Amino acid sequence: MSPTSRINAVAATSVVSSGTAARLEIAELRFIPISALQGDNVVERSEAMPWYGGEPLLAHLESVPLDRA
């Protein structure tokens, strides 16, 4: 199984399929593969995961709009 297929499989069996996201009224989920031990995709894009085309975790967290209601 390719890394992309594997992360898609993990994403499909996580909070999305359990209905947790819907119950918490989370409109959009993003799955970002990381290795906290190696620092892959935490602050900078990782060369160890060339199959992942998205942004690293920190960049995503900094761009998430916050509802101050």
C-alpha atoms as a PDB file:
ATOM      1  CA  MET A   1       0.000   0.000   0.000  1.00  0.00           C
ATOM      2  CA  SER A   2       1.396   3.400  -0.964  1.00  0.00           C
ATOM      3  CA  PRO A   3       1.845   6.082   1.716  1.00  0.00           C
ATOM      4  CA  THR A   4      -0.934   8.160   0.145  1.00  0.00           C
ATOM      5  CA  SER A   5      -3.306   5.193   0.152  1.00  0.00           C
ATOM      6  CA  ARG A   6      -2.386   4.426   3.757  1.00  0.00           C
ATOM      7  CA  ILE A   7      -3.081   7.942   5.053  1.00  0.00           C
ATOM      8  CA  ASN A   8      -6.375   7.986   3.140  1.00  0.00           C
ATOM      9  CA  ALA A   9      -7.317   4.669   4.756  1.00  0.00           C
ATOM     10  CA  VAL A  10      -6.444   5.974   8.221  1.00  0.00           C
ATOM     11  CA  ALA A  11      -8.399   9.165   7.613  1.00  0.00           C
ATOM     12  CA  ALA A  12     -11.435   7.198   6.461  1.00  0.00           C
ATOM     13  CA  THR A  13     -11.518   5.123   9.648  1.00  0.00           C
ATOM     14  CA  SER A  14     -10.973   7.995  12.059  1.00  0.00           C
ATOM     15  CA  VAL A  15     -13.290  10.638  13.446  1.00  0.00           C
ATOM     16  CA  VAL A  16     -14.969  11.103  10.066  1.00  0.00           C
ATOM     17  CA  SER A  17     -16.487   7.643   9.958  1.00  0.00           C
ATOM     18  CA  SER A  18     -17.250   7.588  13.663  1.00  0.00           C
ATOM     19  CA  GLY A  19     -19.500  10.636  13.331  1.00  0.00           C
ATOM     20  CA  THR A  20     -17.521  12.570  15.946  1.00  0.00           C
ATOM     21  CA  ALA A  21     -16.776  15.432  13.555  1.00  0.00           C
ATOM     22  CA  ALA A  22     -20.455  15.845  12.723  1.00  0.00           C
ATOM     23  CA  ARG A  23     -21.480  15.772  16.382  1.00  0.00           C
ATOM     24  CA  LEU A  24     -18.898  18.458  17.142  1.00  0.00           C
ATOM     25  CA  GLU A  25     -20.067  20.461  14.108  1.00  0.00           C
ATOM     26  CA  ILE A  26     -16.612  20.390  12.532  1.00  0.00           C
ATOM     27  CA  ALA A  27     -17.118  21.345   8.898  1.00  0.00           C
ATOM     28  CA  GLU A  28     -13.658  20.511   7.573  1.00  0.00           C
ATOM     29  CA  LEU A  29     -11.005  18.044   8.672  1.00  0.00           C
ATOM     30  CA  ARG A  30      -7.464  17.980   7.392  1.00  0.00           C
ATOM     31  CA  PHE A  31      -5.103  15.075   7.869  1.00  0.00           C
ATOM     32  CA  ILE A  32      -1.428  16.012   7.992  1.00  0.00           C
ATOM     33  CA  PRO A  33       1.093  13.190   8.223  1.00  0.00           C
ATOM     34  CA  ILE A  34       3.827  14.018  10.740  1.00  0.00           C
ATOM     35  CA  SER A  35       6.650  12.430  12.625  1.00  0.00           C
ATOM     36  CA  ALA A  36       7.047  14.309  15.868  1.00  0.00           C
ATOM     37  CA  LEU A  37      10.142  12.238  16.684  1.00  0.00           C
ATOM     38  CA  GLN A  38      11.885  13.315  13.469  1.00  0.00           C
ATOM     39  CA  GLY A  39      10.077  16.647  13.086  1.00  0.00           C
ATOM     40  CA  ASP A  40       8.728  15.692   9.655  1.00  0.00           C
ATOM     41  CA  ASN A  41       5.965  18.062   8.474  1.00  0.00           C
ATOM     42  CA  VAL A  42       5.747  19.745  11.867  1.00  0.00           C
ATOM     43  CA  VAL A  43       7.369  23.105  11.067  1.00  0.00           C
ATOM     44  CA  GLU A  44       8.706  22.548   7.551  1.00  0.00           C
ATOM     45  CA  ARG A  45       7.729  20.220   4.710  1.00  0.00           C
ATOM     46  CA  SER A  46       9.557  16.954   4.939  1.00  0.00           C
ATOM     47  CA  GLU A  47      11.722  15.418   2.243  1.00  0.00           C
ATOM     48  CA  ALA A  48      10.946  12.071   3.906  1.00  0.00           C
ATOM     49  CA  MET A  49       7.314  12.376   2.753  1.00  0.00           C
ATOM     50  CA  PRO A  50       7.538  13.502  -0.892  1.00  0.00           C
ATOM     51  CA  TRP A  51       4.097  11.999  -1.584  1.00  0.00           C
ATOM     52  CA  TYR A  52       2.432  14.551   0.723  1.00  0.00           C
ATOM     53  CA  GLY A  53       1.724  17.779  -1.125  1.00  0.00           C
ATOM     54  CA  GLY A  54       0.115  19.805   1.646  1.00  0.00           C
ATOM     55  CA  GLU A  55       1.422  22.299   4.140  1.00  0.00           C
ATOM     56  CA  PRO A  56       3.161  21.366   7.412  1.00  0.00           C
ATOM     57  CA  LEU A  57       1.219  21.256  10.677  1.00  0.00           C
ATOM     58  CA  LEU A  58       2.334  24.618  12.083  1.00  0.00           C
ATOM     59  CA  ALA A  59       1.497  26.509   8.880  1.00  0.00           C
ATOM     60  CA  HIS A  60      -1.951  24.944   8.865  1.00  0.00           C
ATOM     61  CA  LEU A  61      -2.586  25.745  12.528  1.00  0.00           C
ATOM     62  CA  GLU A  62      -1.534  29.358  11.970  1.00  0.00           C
ATOM     63  CA  SER A  63      -4.025  29.694   9.111  1.00  0.00           C
ATOM     64  CA  VAL A  64      -7.089  28.216  10.840  1.00  0.00           C
ATOM     65  CA  PRO A  65      -9.695  30.927  11.443  1.00  0.00           C
ATOM     66  CA  LEU A  66     -10.792  31.208  15.039  1.00  0.00           C
ATOM     67  CA  ASP A  67     -14.395  31.829  15.970  1.00  0.00           C
ATOM     68  CA  ARG A  68     -14.334  34.321  18.820  1.00  0.00           C
ATOM     69  CA  ALA A  69     -18.072  34.077  19.483  1.00  0.00           C
END
